[in-house]
Protein backbone atom coordinates (compact mmCIF):
# COMPACT_ATOMS: atom_id res chain seq x y z
CA MET A 1 -33.67 -5.45 -27.77
CA THR A 2 -35.98 -6.93 -25.16
CA ALA A 3 -39.05 -5.04 -24.06
CA LEU A 4 -38.34 -2.56 -21.28
CA GLU A 5 -40.39 -2.60 -18.12
CA ARG A 6 -41.93 0.78 -17.40
CA ILE A 7 -42.01 2.01 -13.79
CA THR A 8 -43.08 5.19 -12.04
CA VAL A 9 -40.91 6.74 -9.36
CA ALA A 10 -41.97 9.36 -6.83
CA MET A 11 -39.18 11.76 -5.82
CA ASP A 12 -38.84 14.48 -3.24
CA GLU A 13 -37.87 17.91 -4.52
CA LYS A 14 -34.16 17.59 -3.71
CA THR A 15 -33.84 14.22 -5.47
CA ALA A 16 -35.80 15.47 -8.50
CA GLU A 17 -33.50 18.50 -8.80
CA MET A 18 -30.45 16.25 -8.54
CA MET A 19 -31.82 14.02 -11.29
CA LYS A 20 -32.55 16.97 -13.59
CA LYS A 21 -29.09 18.41 -13.01
CA MET A 22 -27.35 15.09 -13.71
CA ARG A 23 -29.56 14.42 -16.72
CA ASP A 24 -28.60 17.80 -18.20
CA GLU A 25 -24.90 17.43 -17.34
CA LEU A 26 -24.73 13.95 -18.87
CA GLY A 27 -27.01 14.74 -21.80
CA THR A 28 -29.06 11.60 -21.31
CA SER A 29 -32.66 10.67 -20.71
CA GLN A 30 -34.12 10.24 -17.24
CA SER A 31 -34.68 6.57 -17.97
CA GLU A 32 -31.06 6.01 -18.99
CA LEU A 33 -29.84 7.94 -15.95
CA ILE A 34 -31.92 5.75 -13.61
CA ARG A 35 -30.72 2.57 -15.38
CA GLN A 36 -27.07 3.62 -15.04
CA ALA A 37 -27.55 4.68 -11.40
CA LEU A 38 -29.08 1.30 -10.53
CA LYS A 39 -26.29 -0.57 -12.32
CA PHE A 40 -23.70 1.50 -10.47
CA TYR A 41 -25.41 0.96 -7.12
CA GLY A 42 -25.73 -2.76 -7.78
CA LYS A 43 -22.04 -3.03 -8.63
CA TYR A 44 -20.74 -0.95 -5.70
CA ARG A 45 -23.47 -1.48 -3.10
CA LEU A 46 -21.30 -3.37 -0.61
CA LEU A 47 -18.69 -0.65 -0.76
CA ILE A 48 -21.25 2.15 -0.44
CA GLU A 49 -22.98 0.55 2.53
CA SER A 50 -19.85 -0.52 4.38
CA GLN A 51 -17.52 1.28 6.73
CA GLU A 52 -15.13 1.48 3.81
CA ASP A 53 -17.34 4.18 2.28
CA LYS A 54 -15.69 6.92 4.31
CA LYS A 55 -12.26 5.54 3.45
CA MET A 56 -13.13 5.48 -0.26
CA TYR A 57 -14.33 9.08 -0.03
CA THR A 58 -11.00 9.99 1.58
CA TYR A 59 -9.08 8.21 -1.22
CA ALA A 60 -11.09 9.99 -3.90
CA GLU A 61 -10.64 13.34 -2.18
CA MET A 62 -6.88 12.84 -1.85
CA LEU A 63 -6.36 11.69 -5.43
CA LYS A 64 -8.74 13.95 -7.35
CA VAL A 65 -6.65 17.12 -7.23
CA GLY A 66 -3.32 15.39 -7.85
CA GLU A 67 -1.74 16.19 -4.47
CA HIS A 68 -1.28 12.50 -3.62
CA VAL A 69 -0.14 9.40 -5.48
CA ILE A 70 -0.60 5.67 -5.09
CA VAL A 71 2.77 4.00 -4.55
CA ASP A 72 3.50 0.31 -4.21
CA ILE A 73 4.55 -0.44 -0.62
CA ASP A 74 7.81 -2.03 -1.79
CA HIS A 75 8.76 1.18 -3.64
CA TRP A 76 7.82 3.25 -0.60
CA LEU A 77 9.94 1.13 1.76
CA LEU A 78 12.82 1.22 -0.72
CA PHE A 79 12.68 5.05 -0.71
CA LEU A 80 12.76 5.09 3.08
CA ARG A 81 15.61 2.56 3.21
CA PHE A 82 17.57 4.64 0.69
CA ILE A 83 17.03 7.81 2.73
CA GLU A 84 18.24 6.13 5.92
CA THR A 85 21.47 5.02 4.23
CA HIS A 86 22.12 8.28 2.40
CA PRO A 87 25.00 10.40 3.74
CA GLU A 88 22.75 13.49 3.76
CA LYS A 89 19.73 11.82 5.32
CA GLU A 90 19.21 14.66 7.83
CA LYS A 91 18.61 17.00 4.90
CA PHE A 92 15.54 14.91 3.98
CA TRP A 93 14.02 15.53 7.42
CA GLU A 94 14.76 19.25 7.21
CA LEU A 95 13.20 19.49 3.74
CA ASN A 96 10.07 17.83 5.12
CA LYS A 97 9.43 20.55 7.73
CA PRO A 98 7.48 22.87 5.39
CA ILE A 99 5.35 19.87 4.37
CA TYR A 100 4.58 19.05 8.00
CA GLU A 101 3.67 22.71 8.56
CA ALA A 102 1.36 22.66 5.53
CA HIS A 103 -0.35 19.51 6.80
CA ALA A 104 -0.80 21.08 10.23
CA GLU A 105 -2.31 24.21 8.69
CA GLN A 106 -4.62 22.19 6.43
CA PHE A 107 -5.84 19.93 9.25
CA LYS A 108 -6.25 22.87 11.62
CA HIS A 109 -8.30 24.73 8.98
CA LYS A 110 -10.57 21.68 8.73
CA SER A 111 -10.89 21.63 12.55
CA TYR A 112 -9.38 18.15 12.71
CA ARG A 113 -8.78 16.62 16.10
CA VAL A 114 -6.02 14.08 16.81
CA GLU A 115 -8.26 11.15 15.90
CA ASP A 116 -9.25 12.77 12.58
CA VAL A 117 -5.58 13.22 11.64
CA LEU A 118 -4.79 9.63 12.59
CA LYS A 119 -7.70 8.32 10.50
CA ARG A 120 -6.61 10.45 7.54
CA LEU A 121 -3.06 9.13 7.76
CA GLU A 122 -4.33 5.57 8.23
CA ALA A 123 -6.02 5.99 4.84
CA CYS A 124 -2.51 6.60 3.45
CA ASN A 125 -1.63 3.08 4.66
CA TYR A 126 1.13 4.33 6.95
CA PHE A 127 -0.36 2.23 9.75
CA THR A 128 -3.46 0.47 11.04
CA LEU A 129 -5.18 2.48 13.74
CA ASN A 130 -6.45 0.93 16.94
CA LYS A 131 -8.29 3.19 19.39
CA VAL A 132 -7.48 1.90 22.88
CA SER A 133 -9.38 4.56 24.84
CA LYS A 134 -10.58 8.14 24.47
CA ASN A 135 -7.04 9.55 24.40
CA ASP A 136 -4.91 6.51 23.59
CA TYR A 137 -4.19 5.02 20.18
CA THR A 138 -1.96 2.26 18.91
CA LEU A 139 -0.59 2.55 15.39
CA ILE A 140 0.40 -0.82 13.98
CA LEU A 141 3.10 -0.38 11.36
CA SER A 142 3.53 -2.69 8.39
CA SER A 143 7.29 -2.21 8.57
CA GLU A 144 9.81 -0.89 11.06
CA MET A 145 11.12 1.31 8.23
CA LEU A 146 8.00 3.46 8.64
CA LYS A 147 8.54 4.18 12.33
CA LYS A 148 10.76 7.27 12.11
CA PHE A 149 8.80 8.75 9.21
CA VAL A 150 5.40 8.31 10.87
CA LYS A 151 6.61 9.42 14.29
CA THR A 152 8.23 12.57 12.88
CA LEU A 153 5.19 13.32 10.72
CA LEU A 154 2.88 13.04 13.73
CA GLU A 155 5.10 14.99 16.13
CA GLU A 156 5.60 17.88 13.72
CA THR A 157 1.99 17.96 12.51
CA PHE A 158 0.45 17.82 15.97
CA SER A 159 2.90 20.42 17.27
CA GLY A 160 1.97 22.70 14.36
CA MET A 161 -1.69 22.27 15.26
CA GLY A 162 -1.00 23.21 18.89
CA PHE A 163 -1.71 19.69 20.18
CA LYS A 164 0.38 17.97 22.81
CA VAL A 165 0.86 14.24 22.37
CA ASP A 166 3.21 11.64 23.75
CA ILE A 167 4.41 9.14 21.15
CA ARG A 168 6.16 6.00 22.35
CA GLU A 169 7.85 3.39 20.20
CA ASP A 170 7.37 -0.36 20.41
CA LEU A 171 8.91 -2.86 18.01
CA ALA A 172 6.23 -2.64 15.32
CA LYS A 173 3.94 -0.04 16.85
CA LEU A 174 3.68 3.55 17.91
CA ARG A 175 1.57 4.43 20.93
CA VAL A 176 -0.03 7.87 20.85
CA LYS A 177 -1.39 9.46 24.01
CA VAL A 178 -3.28 12.74 23.62
CA LEU A 179 -2.26 15.14 26.38
CA GLN A 180 -3.95 18.30 25.05
CA GLU A 181 -6.02 19.12 21.98
């Protein structure tokens, strides 16, 4: 093993407490903890410092408790295509209503505004969000198959939150105008 370089680090109280807590939780030395933290930061620095950081936090939050899954887009579109051709397709939309209500309740509890909901759903890769103005958004869909699902999800969720929005369809886009939050 090569000789290690010794350094001294000054920490504020909050950082020192965090280090002690992590050291105890991980059962490692302070030196090893600092080495691992620097390696982690070096590896993920671009992600941590970028705009994607908030998106990554959202992904981690959504996945950590097992309420969401990662699904290949082709599988997802196949599910939607199957639903649209199924003789009882309207039953699918009815069965979704309690889910829309739960989303509305969850977002309302978190004091989400329309833009917050749109950003959260953008993280699900349902669409790419483009803010046109304070109350106008364009949602660019990756497939026309998503249009009915996304539009219904938004209409039901926003209605459940007490928001009034106007959602208009284009070929590969949905245009959302906030009328009342």
